[in-house]
């Protein structure tokens, strides 16, 4: 490979890891806010503790899959991702990275708990829409809107869930100190309360690593696929036995598409053609690493487009459960030929996120602890908000949905303040909501403009 490409890849990887580093101290400040603000842990111990569990949360991807990561990669149009080579690929990646890091740093500097997830998703979508416009392609917001559903729903779950949990705790727990403002001075709370808050901090840190870490993994895999397709466009880990099994599953799905209710489906003919090309490419191969570059990129396009069609057809009304199961199995099988995560990518992201957690937490801790509600945060409010956030994020992992730790936890704090009758500080809530509302459109516009300025001439 040309040395200049190695240089571009190296620069992009460093910026991507920088994004995860910034994500660490930007978002994870939310996880340590309660234990620091309530003096349950000293700041240095808290951020090291949180950083370690963020690290573990990212590493869990190695054993449980990376559905969130692939959602991030999938936000870019498939034709753009596999066709972005040379200067166009570098412009695409750098436009995403520069805007994402800039917006994260800008909102951190003013102490606003804005969302790194929204920042990254907005930057990627902006580049994708600009590419479609410049290339004369039909712009699709389907995947963006699908991702947006989870991003929009999660803060509502955080607000209502934390409010209900706090109300339940207030009725069931007899230790009233749990619902009082931390006393002035440096005295920590009683041990039962300390253990509760340390436990919730641990859970949020781990959950943040598991979800946000996958976004960093997706970002780096996006870089590698775009700039080094010869190595990363397809999954080199699949051996002869796995490929033979995939071929069998694809042929089974093809037979299902050719009969019954699906035979007349508008997507059936096109999907069967794609499945045929997949079988033709991988049948009899001992590994996908033997494929020529053009075959690798073609396989990636066919596999992802076929998987998207299969996902939709599996939801066809009147389709039997057995036929739907066959289509879903085929979708997973063809995706496995092109979707994979390198272990070293996971470890690097885990380190960047974990180390980033230990830096720059103070600005956002003060906002979360003192400026959302009119009263200062109590032990019970912190615990309820963090328990809700932890549960919501881990549930999102199962559904492969990117969500915002920042939005969920900030909404949870606001929910407990409302449930307690403490009231909310209108100015702070307004500023936080403004950052939430602006993040997606601003990052979409900025990344789109930067991509247009750097790659537009090549695409017109």
Protein backbone atom coordinates (compact mmCIF):
# COMPACT_ATOMS: atom_id res chain seq x y z
CA UNK A 1 0.00 0.00 0.00
CA UNK A 2 1.18 3.53 -0.79
CA UNK A 3 2.99 5.11 2.22
CA UNK A 4 0.76 8.20 1.91
CA UNK A 5 -2.29 6.00 2.54
CA UNK A 6 -0.67 4.60 5.68
CA UNK A 7 -0.09 8.18 6.82
CA UNK A 8 -3.72 9.15 6.20
CA UNK A 9 -4.96 6.03 7.99
CA UNK A 10 -2.68 6.76 10.94
CA UNK A 11 -3.85 10.38 11.23
CA UNK A 12 -7.51 9.35 11.01
CA UNK A 13 -7.06 6.64 13.65
CA UNK A 14 -5.38 9.11 16.01
CA UNK A 15 -8.23 11.61 15.58
CA UNK A 16 -10.81 8.84 16.08
CA UNK A 17 -9.11 7.75 19.30
CA UNK A 18 -9.01 11.43 20.26
CA UNK A 19 -12.78 11.51 19.80
CA UNK A 20 -13.14 8.56 22.18
CA UNK A 21 -10.76 10.25 24.63
CA UNK A 22 -12.91 13.40 24.56
CA UNK A 23 -16.02 11.21 24.82
CA UNK A 24 -14.52 9.74 27.99
CA UNK A 25 -14.22 12.99 29.90
CA UNK A 26 -17.24 14.59 28.23
CA UNK A 27 -19.85 11.87 28.75
CA UNK A 28 -18.47 9.91 31.67
CA UNK A 29 -18.51 12.97 33.89
CA UNK A 30 -22.20 12.12 34.13
CA UNK A 31 -21.36 8.73 35.65
CA UNK A 32 -19.04 10.13 38.34
CA UNK A 33 -21.14 13.22 39.07
CA UNK A 34 -23.15 11.65 41.88
CA UNK A 35 -20.31 9.91 43.74
CA UNK A 36 -18.11 13.02 43.55
CA UNK A 37 -20.84 15.51 44.32
CA UNK A 38 -22.11 13.48 47.29
CA UNK A 39 -18.51 12.81 48.46
CA UNK A 40 -19.05 9.07 48.26
CA UNK A 41 -15.66 8.84 46.53
CA UNK A 42 -12.79 11.26 46.18
CA UNK A 43 -12.56 12.71 42.66
CA UNK A 44 -9.32 10.96 41.71
CA UNK A 45 -10.54 7.59 42.93
CA UNK A 46 -13.93 8.08 41.27
CA UNK A 47 -12.61 8.89 37.80
CA UNK A 48 -10.06 6.05 37.91
CA UNK A 49 -12.79 3.65 39.06
CA UNK A 50 -15.18 4.85 36.36
CA UNK A 51 -12.44 4.72 33.72
CA UNK A 52 -11.67 1.10 34.59
CA UNK A 53 -15.30 0.03 34.26
CA UNK A 54 -15.66 1.98 31.01
CA UNK A 55 -12.68 -0.04 29.81
CA UNK A 56 -14.37 -3.30 30.82
CA UNK A 57 -17.63 -2.21 29.19
CA UNK A 58 -15.91 -1.74 25.84
CA UNK A 59 -14.12 -5.07 26.11
CA UNK A 60 -17.42 -6.89 26.53
CA UNK A 61 -17.96 -6.28 22.81
CA UNK A 62 -15.41 -9.03 22.14
CA UNK A 63 -17.77 -11.61 23.57
CA UNK A 64 -21.26 -10.26 22.95
CA UNK A 65 -21.20 -8.73 19.47
CA UNK A 66 -21.12 -5.17 18.17
CA UNK A 67 -24.59 -4.39 16.86
CA UNK A 68 -24.32 -0.73 17.84
CA UNK A 69 -20.98 -0.41 16.02
CA UNK A 70 -22.49 -1.73 12.81
CA UNK A 71 -25.44 0.66 13.14
CA UNK A 72 -22.91 3.50 13.13
CA UNK A 73 -21.07 2.13 10.07
CA UNK A 74 -24.41 1.58 8.33
CA UNK A 75 -25.35 5.25 8.56
CA UNK A 76 -23.11 5.94 5.58
CA UNK A 77 -24.57 4.93 2.21
CA UNK A 78 -23.05 1.61 1.16
CA UNK A 79 -22.00 2.93 -2.26
CA UNK A 80 -20.18 5.85 -0.63
CA UNK A 81 -18.37 3.69 1.91
CA UNK A 82 -17.05 1.12 -0.57
CA UNK A 83 -16.34 3.71 -3.25
CA UNK A 84 -14.59 6.28 -1.06
CA UNK A 85 -10.98 5.83 -2.06
CA UNK A 86 -7.96 8.12 -2.14
CA UNK A 87 -8.55 11.80 -1.46
CA UNK A 88 -12.34 11.37 -1.45
CA UNK A 89 -12.12 8.75 1.30
CA UNK A 90 -9.78 10.92 3.35
CA UNK A 91 -12.09 13.92 2.93
CA UNK A 92 -15.08 11.87 4.03
CA UNK A 93 -13.40 10.51 7.16
CA UNK A 94 -11.74 13.77 8.20
CA UNK A 95 -14.97 15.75 7.74
CA UNK A 96 -16.70 13.39 10.17
CA UNK A 97 -13.86 13.33 12.69
CA UNK A 98 -13.03 17.03 12.77
CA UNK A 99 -16.62 18.13 13.28
CA UNK A 100 -17.32 15.45 15.91
CA UNK A 101 -14.26 16.37 17.99
CA UNK A 102 -14.88 20.12 17.58
CA UNK A 103 -18.49 19.99 18.80
CA UNK A 104 -17.64 17.74 21.72
CA UNK A 105 -14.90 20.09 22.89
CA UNK A 106 -17.03 23.20 22.38
CA UNK A 107 -19.94 21.92 24.48
CA UNK A 108 -17.57 20.54 27.15
CA UNK A 109 -15.82 23.91 27.39
CA UNK A 110 -19.07 25.66 28.33
CA UNK A 111 -20.02 22.83 30.70
CA UNK A 112 -23.04 21.52 28.77
CA UNK A 113 -23.86 17.79 28.91
CA UNK A 114 -24.29 17.49 25.13
CA UNK A 115 -24.27 14.07 23.52
CA UNK A 116 -21.22 12.53 21.84
CA UNK A 117 -23.61 10.04 20.22
CA UNK A 118 -25.64 12.78 18.55
CA UNK A 119 -22.41 14.49 17.52
CA UNK A 120 -21.06 11.43 15.74
CA UNK A 121 -24.38 10.43 14.17
CA UNK A 122 -24.98 13.98 12.92
CA UNK A 123 -21.50 14.22 11.41
CA UNK A 124 -21.83 10.91 9.57
CA UNK A 125 -25.32 11.72 8.29
CA UNK A 126 -24.24 15.15 7.06
CA UNK A 127 -21.47 13.64 4.94
CA UNK A 128 -23.81 10.95 3.57
CA UNK A 129 -26.49 13.47 2.53
CA UNK A 130 -23.91 15.78 0.95
CA UNK A 131 -22.44 12.89 -1.03
CA UNK A 132 -25.90 11.95 -2.30
CA UNK A 133 -26.55 15.54 -3.38
CA UNK A 134 -23.18 15.96 -5.12
CA UNK A 135 -23.40 12.55 -6.81
CA UNK A 136 -26.97 12.95 -8.00
CA UNK A 137 -28.09 9.98 -5.88
CA UNK A 138 -31.38 9.71 -4.04
CA UNK A 139 -30.80 10.78 -0.43
CA UNK A 140 -32.16 8.30 2.10
CA UNK A 141 -32.82 9.17 5.74
CA UNK A 142 -34.28 5.76 6.59
CA UNK A 143 -31.36 4.54 8.72
CA UNK A 144 -30.91 7.95 10.32
CA UNK A 145 -34.57 8.14 11.31
CA UNK A 146 -34.46 4.57 12.60
CA UNK A 147 -31.48 5.48 14.81
CA UNK A 148 -33.18 8.71 15.85
CA UNK A 149 -36.10 6.80 17.36
CA UNK A 150 -33.88 5.31 20.07
CA UNK A 151 -32.06 8.59 20.65
CA UNK A 152 -35.36 10.42 21.11
CA UNK A 153 -37.08 7.76 23.22
CA UNK A 154 -34.21 7.16 25.67
CA UNK A 155 -34.35 10.58 27.44
CA UNK A 156 -38.11 10.15 27.96
CA UNK A 157 -37.44 6.75 29.52
CA UNK A 158 -34.74 8.36 31.66
CA UNK A 159 -37.04 11.14 32.91
CA UNK A 160 -40.08 8.99 33.63
CA UNK A 161 -38.16 5.95 34.87
CA UNK A 162 -36.03 7.94 37.31
CA UNK A 163 -39.06 9.89 38.55
CA UNK A 164 -41.02 6.69 39.20
CA UNK A 165 -38.05 4.92 40.82
CA UNK A 166 -37.32 7.89 43.08
CA UNK A 167 -40.98 8.06 44.12
CA UNK A 168 -40.91 4.32 44.90
CA UNK A 169 -37.69 4.66 46.92
CA UNK A 170 -39.14 7.59 48.87
CA UNK A 171 -42.13 5.47 49.90
CA UNK A 172 -40.30 2.23 50.69
CA UNK A 173 -36.95 3.27 52.16
CA UNK A 174 -37.11 4.39 55.78
CA UNK A 175 -33.60 5.91 55.96
CA UNK A 176 -34.54 9.54 55.38
CA UNK A 177 -30.92 10.63 55.07
CA UNK A 178 -31.00 9.13 51.59
CA UNK A 179 -33.32 11.95 50.51
CA UNK A 180 -31.45 14.86 52.06
CA UNK A 181 -28.97 17.22 50.43
CA UNK A 182 -25.33 16.25 51.15
CA UNK A 183 -24.09 18.28 54.14
CA UNK A 184 -21.52 20.99 53.64
CA UNK A 185 -17.93 20.04 54.30
CA UNK A 186 -16.04 16.92 53.32
CA UNK A 187 -17.86 14.24 55.35
CA UNK A 188 -18.94 11.29 53.19
CA UNK A 189 -22.42 9.74 53.55
CA UNK A 190 -23.02 6.62 55.70
CA UNK A 191 -21.56 3.39 54.25
CA UNK A 192 -24.87 1.90 53.00
CA UNK A 193 -25.49 5.04 50.95
CA UNK A 194 -21.89 5.17 49.77
CA UNK A 195 -22.03 1.57 48.57
CA UNK A 196 -25.31 2.23 46.75
CA UNK A 197 -23.91 5.25 44.91
CA UNK A 198 -20.61 3.55 44.10
CA UNK A 199 -22.60 0.63 42.71
CA UNK A 200 -24.75 2.84 40.49
CA UNK A 201 -21.67 4.75 39.30
CA UNK A 202 -20.05 1.42 38.42
CA UNK A 203 -23.11 0.30 36.47
CA UNK A 204 -23.41 3.53 34.48
CA UNK A 205 -19.67 3.49 33.70
CA UNK A 206 -19.82 -0.08 32.44
CA UNK A 207 -22.99 0.59 30.43
CA UNK A 208 -21.48 3.76 28.94
CA UNK A 209 -18.44 1.80 27.83
CA UNK A 210 -20.55 -0.95 26.31
CA UNK A 211 -22.68 1.44 24.21
CA UNK A 212 -20.47 4.45 23.52
CA UNK A 213 -17.42 2.25 23.11
CA UNK A 214 -19.18 0.53 20.23
CA UNK A 215 -19.62 3.91 18.53
CA UNK A 216 -15.86 4.38 18.65
CA UNK A 217 -15.35 0.86 17.32
CA UNK A 218 -17.82 1.58 14.51
CA UNK A 219 -16.01 4.83 13.71
CA UNK A 220 -12.62 3.12 13.44
CA UNK A 221 -14.01 0.22 11.39
CA UNK A 222 -15.58 2.83 9.10
CA UNK A 223 -12.11 4.38 8.61
CA UNK A 224 -10.51 1.02 7.90
CA UNK A 225 -13.23 -0.09 5.46
CA UNK A 226 -13.09 3.20 3.55
CA UNK A 227 -9.32 3.60 3.38
CA UNK A 228 -8.15 -0.05 3.38
CA UNK A 229 -10.92 -2.01 1.62
CA UNK A 230 -8.47 -4.67 0.48
CA UNK A 231 -8.12 -5.77 4.09
CA UNK A 232 -11.34 -4.73 5.82
CA UNK A 233 -14.20 -4.76 3.27
CA UNK A 234 -15.00 -8.42 4.05
CA UNK A 235 -14.58 -10.69 7.03
CA UNK A 236 -11.26 -12.60 6.73
CA UNK A 237 -12.08 -14.66 9.84
CA UNK A 238 -14.63 -16.87 8.06
CA UNK A 239 -13.16 -20.22 7.10
CA UNK A 240 -14.25 -22.83 4.58
CA UNK A 241 -16.78 -24.45 6.93
CA UNK A 242 -18.47 -21.13 7.79
CA UNK A 243 -18.65 -20.13 4.14
CA UNK A 244 -20.13 -23.49 3.18
CA UNK A 245 -22.78 -23.07 5.89
CA UNK A 246 -23.53 -19.54 4.66
CA UNK A 247 -24.03 -20.80 1.12
CA UNK A 248 -26.50 -23.42 2.39
CA UNK A 249 -28.46 -20.80 4.35
CA UNK A 250 -28.56 -18.42 1.36
CA UNK A 251 -29.85 -21.16 -0.95
CA UNK A 252 -32.53 -22.04 1.58
CA UNK A 253 -33.63 -18.40 1.73
CA UNK A 254 -33.59 -18.16 -2.07
CA UNK A 255 -36.00 -21.11 -2.27
CA UNK A 256 -38.24 -19.41 0.29
CA UNK A 257 -38.26 -16.20 -1.75
CA UNK A 258 -39.18 -18.11 -4.90
CA UNK A 259 -42.35 -19.63 -3.42
CA UNK A 260 -45.45 -18.76 -1.46
CA UNK A 261 -46.41 -15.23 -0.44
CA UNK A 262 -42.92 -13.84 -1.08
CA UNK A 263 -42.73 -14.84 -4.75
CA UNK A 264 -44.73 -11.75 -5.75
CA UNK A 265 -43.01 -9.41 -3.32
CA UNK A 266 -41.63 -6.34 -5.09
CA UNK A 267 -38.15 -6.90 -3.64
CA UNK A 268 -38.02 -10.68 -4.14
CA UNK A 269 -36.54 -10.73 -7.66
CA UNK A 270 -33.87 -8.15 -6.91
CA UNK A 271 -32.96 -9.83 -3.62
CA UNK A 272 -32.66 -13.25 -5.25
CA UNK A 273 -30.24 -11.78 -7.80
CA UNK A 274 -28.12 -10.38 -4.99
CA UNK A 275 -28.15 -13.69 -3.14
CA UNK A 276 -27.10 -15.44 -6.34
CA UNK A 277 -24.11 -13.11 -6.70
CA UNK A 278 -23.15 -13.76 -3.07
CA UNK A 279 -23.21 -17.54 -3.61
CA UNK A 280 -21.24 -17.18 -6.83
CA UNK A 281 -18.57 -15.14 -5.00
CA UNK A 282 -18.08 -17.24 -1.87
CA UNK A 283 -19.01 -20.80 -2.92
CA UNK A 284 -16.03 -23.13 -2.77
CA UNK A 285 -13.72 -20.56 -1.20
CA UNK A 286 -11.53 -21.49 1.74
CA UNK A 287 -11.45 -17.90 2.93
CA UNK A 288 -12.65 -14.49 1.79
CA UNK A 289 -9.06 -13.28 1.92
CA UNK A 290 -8.47 -14.96 -1.47
CA UNK A 291 -10.93 -12.62 -3.20
CA UNK A 292 -9.68 -9.86 -5.48
CA UNK A 293 -10.28 -6.28 -4.34
CA UNK A 294 -13.16 -5.70 -6.78
CA UNK A 295 -14.83 -8.92 -5.61
CA UNK A 296 -14.49 -7.85 -1.98
CA UNK A 297 -16.13 -4.48 -2.54
CA UNK A 298 -18.85 -6.05 -4.71
CA UNK A 299 -19.55 -8.67 -2.03
CA UNK A 300 -19.88 -5.96 0.61
CA UNK A 301 -22.41 -4.04 -1.47
CA UNK A 302 -24.47 -7.12 -2.33
CA UNK A 303 -24.42 -8.50 1.23
CA UNK A 304 -25.52 -5.26 2.89
CA UNK A 305 -28.23 -4.49 0.35
CA UNK A 306 -29.51 -8.07 0.44
CA UNK A 307 -29.55 -8.02 4.25
CA UNK A 308 -31.54 -4.78 4.24
CA UNK A 309 -34.14 -6.24 1.87
CA UNK A 310 -34.36 -9.51 3.83
CA UNK A 311 -34.97 -7.57 7.05
CA UNK A 312 -37.94 -5.79 5.49
CA UNK A 313 -39.39 -8.88 3.83
CA UNK A 314 -39.19 -10.86 7.07
CA UNK A 315 -41.85 -8.47 8.37
CA UNK A 316 -44.25 -9.14 5.48
CA UNK A 317 -47.85 -9.54 6.66
CA UNK A 318 -49.10 -13.08 6.49
CA UNK A 319 -45.61 -14.57 6.34
CA UNK A 320 -45.27 -17.77 8.37
CA UNK A 321 -42.97 -17.78 11.38
CA UNK A 322 -40.78 -20.46 9.81
CA UNK A 323 -40.30 -18.46 6.59
CA UNK A 324 -39.60 -15.28 8.57
CA UNK A 325 -37.02 -17.19 10.63
CA UNK A 326 -35.30 -18.40 7.44
CA UNK A 327 -35.03 -14.83 6.10
CA UNK A 328 -33.70 -13.56 9.42
CA UNK A 329 -31.13 -16.36 9.55
CA UNK A 330 -30.04 -15.52 6.01
CA UNK A 331 -29.80 -11.82 6.90
CA UNK A 332 -27.44 -12.62 9.78
CA UNK A 333 -25.41 -15.01 7.62
CA UNK A 334 -24.79 -12.58 4.77
CA UNK A 335 -23.98 -9.79 7.20
CA UNK A 336 -21.38 -11.99 8.84
CA UNK A 337 -19.43 -12.03 5.58
CA UNK A 338 -18.75 -8.29 5.82
CA UNK A 339 -19.37 -7.24 9.43
CA UNK A 340 -16.62 -7.98 11.92
CA UNK A 341 -14.51 -6.22 14.54
CA UNK A 342 -10.79 -6.55 15.04
CA UNK A 343 -9.78 -7.26 18.65
CA UNK A 344 -7.05 -4.61 18.55
CA UNK A 345 -9.63 -1.97 17.60
CA UNK A 346 -11.71 -2.85 20.66
CA UNK A 347 -8.70 -2.68 22.97
CA UNK A 348 -7.56 0.71 21.60
CA UNK A 349 -11.05 2.20 21.98
CA UNK A 350 -11.31 0.78 25.51
CA UNK A 351 -8.01 2.41 26.47
CA UNK A 352 -8.90 5.77 24.90
CA UNK A 353 -12.32 5.89 26.55
CA UNK A 354 -11.00 4.67 29.91
CA UNK A 355 -8.12 7.15 30.04
CA UNK A 356 -10.34 9.98 28.81
CA UNK A 357 -12.68 9.36 31.73
CA UNK A 358 -9.91 10.43 34.11
CA UNK A 359 -9.61 13.92 32.60
CA UNK A 360 -11.79 17.02 32.49
CA UNK A 361 -14.76 15.80 34.54
CA UNK A 362 -15.24 18.85 36.79
CA UNK A 363 -17.15 21.21 34.49
CA UNK A 364 -20.03 18.82 33.83
CA UNK A 365 -20.11 17.39 37.38
CA UNK A 366 -21.02 20.85 38.69
CA UNK A 367 -23.77 21.23 36.06
CA UNK A 368 -25.31 17.85 36.89
CA UNK A 369 -25.03 18.24 40.67
CA UNK A 370 -26.12 21.83 41.17
CA UNK A 371 -27.56 23.46 38.06
CA UNK A 372 -30.32 21.19 36.77
CA UNK A 373 -32.60 21.41 39.81
CA UNK A 374 -33.27 24.36 42.09
CA UNK A 375 -32.23 22.20 45.03
CA UNK A 376 -28.91 20.37 45.17
CA UNK A 377 -28.82 16.72 44.22
CA UNK A 378 -29.67 14.27 47.02
CA UNK A 379 -28.27 10.76 47.44
CA UNK A 380 -31.57 9.16 46.47
CA UNK A 381 -31.96 11.28 43.36
CA UNK A 382 -28.47 10.39 42.16
CA UNK A 383 -29.04 6.68 42.76
CA UNK A 384 -32.45 6.65 41.02
CA UNK A 385 -31.14 8.52 37.99
CA UNK A 386 -28.11 6.28 37.61
CA UNK A 387 -30.03 3.03 38.09
CA UNK A 388 -32.44 4.13 35.38
CA UNK A 389 -29.60 5.17 33.06
CA UNK A 390 -27.71 1.91 33.56
CA UNK A 391 -30.80 -0.22 32.85
CA UNK A 392 -31.81 1.80 29.80
CA UNK A 393 -28.35 1.70 28.21
CA UNK A 394 -27.89 -2.04 28.76
CA UNK A 395 -31.33 -2.66 27.24
CA UNK A 396 -30.28 -0.55 24.25
CA UNK A 397 -27.19 -2.75 23.84
CA UNK A 398 -29.43 -5.79 23.49
CA UNK A 399 -31.46 -4.01 20.80
CA UNK A 400 -28.29 -2.74 19.05
CA UNK A 401 -29.52 0.83 19.50
CA UNK A 402 -27.10 3.76 19.90
CA UNK A 403 -28.29 5.92 22.81
CA UNK A 404 -26.91 8.90 24.70
CA UNK A 405 -25.68 8.39 28.26
CA UNK A 406 -25.69 12.17 28.65
CA UNK A 407 -29.32 12.60 27.64
CA UNK A 408 -30.58 9.66 29.68
CA UNK A 409 -28.78 10.65 32.89
CA UNK A 410 -29.49 14.39 32.62
CA UNK A 411 -33.15 13.59 31.96
CA UNK A 412 -33.11 11.20 34.92
CA UNK A 413 -31.77 13.92 37.24
CA UNK A 414 -34.48 16.27 35.96
CA UNK A 415 -37.11 13.55 36.51
CA UNK A 416 -36.09 13.06 40.14
CA UNK A 417 -36.16 16.82 40.72
CA UNK A 418 -39.68 16.96 39.31
CA UNK A 419 -40.78 13.96 41.41
CA UNK A 420 -39.30 15.53 44.55
CA UNK A 421 -41.01 18.85 43.92
CA UNK A 422 -37.59 20.54 43.88
CA UNK A 423 -38.22 22.37 40.65
CA UNK A 424 -35.85 22.86 37.73
CA UNK A 425 -33.48 25.69 36.92
CA UNK A 426 -35.04 26.99 33.73
CA UNK A 427 -31.86 28.59 32.40
CA UNK A 428 -29.75 25.44 32.71
CA UNK A 429 -32.46 23.13 31.37
CA UNK A 430 -33.03 25.53 28.47
CA UNK A 431 -29.31 25.57 27.64
CA UNK A 432 -29.06 21.77 27.85
CA UNK A 433 -32.14 21.33 25.63
CA UNK A 434 -30.70 23.88 23.20
CA UNK A 435 -27.46 21.88 22.99
CA UNK A 436 -29.51 18.70 22.44
CA UNK A 437 -31.64 20.26 19.71
CA UNK A 438 -28.75 21.96 17.94
CA UNK A 439 -26.24 19.10 18.00
CA UNK A 440 -27.72 17.02 15.17
CA UNK A 441 -28.47 19.82 12.67
CA UNK A 442 -25.27 21.77 13.42
CA UNK A 443 -23.00 18.75 13.04
CA UNK A 444 -24.85 17.63 9.92
CA UNK A 445 -24.39 21.06 8.32
CA UNK A 446 -20.76 21.48 9.41
CA UNK A 447 -19.63 18.01 8.27
CA UNK A 448 -21.57 18.39 5.02
CA UNK A 449 -19.98 21.77 4.29
CA UNK A 450 -16.50 20.48 5.12
CA UNK A 451 -16.99 17.44 2.88
CA UNK A 452 -18.32 19.62 0.06
CA UNK A 453 -15.34 21.98 0.40
CA UNK A 454 -12.78 19.16 0.34
CA UNK A 455 -14.31 16.59 -2.01
CA UNK A 456 -17.04 18.41 -3.93
CA UNK A 457 -15.01 19.04 -7.09
CA UNK A 458 -14.24 15.35 -7.47
CA UNK A 459 -17.92 14.39 -7.27
CA UNK A 460 -19.54 17.02 -9.48
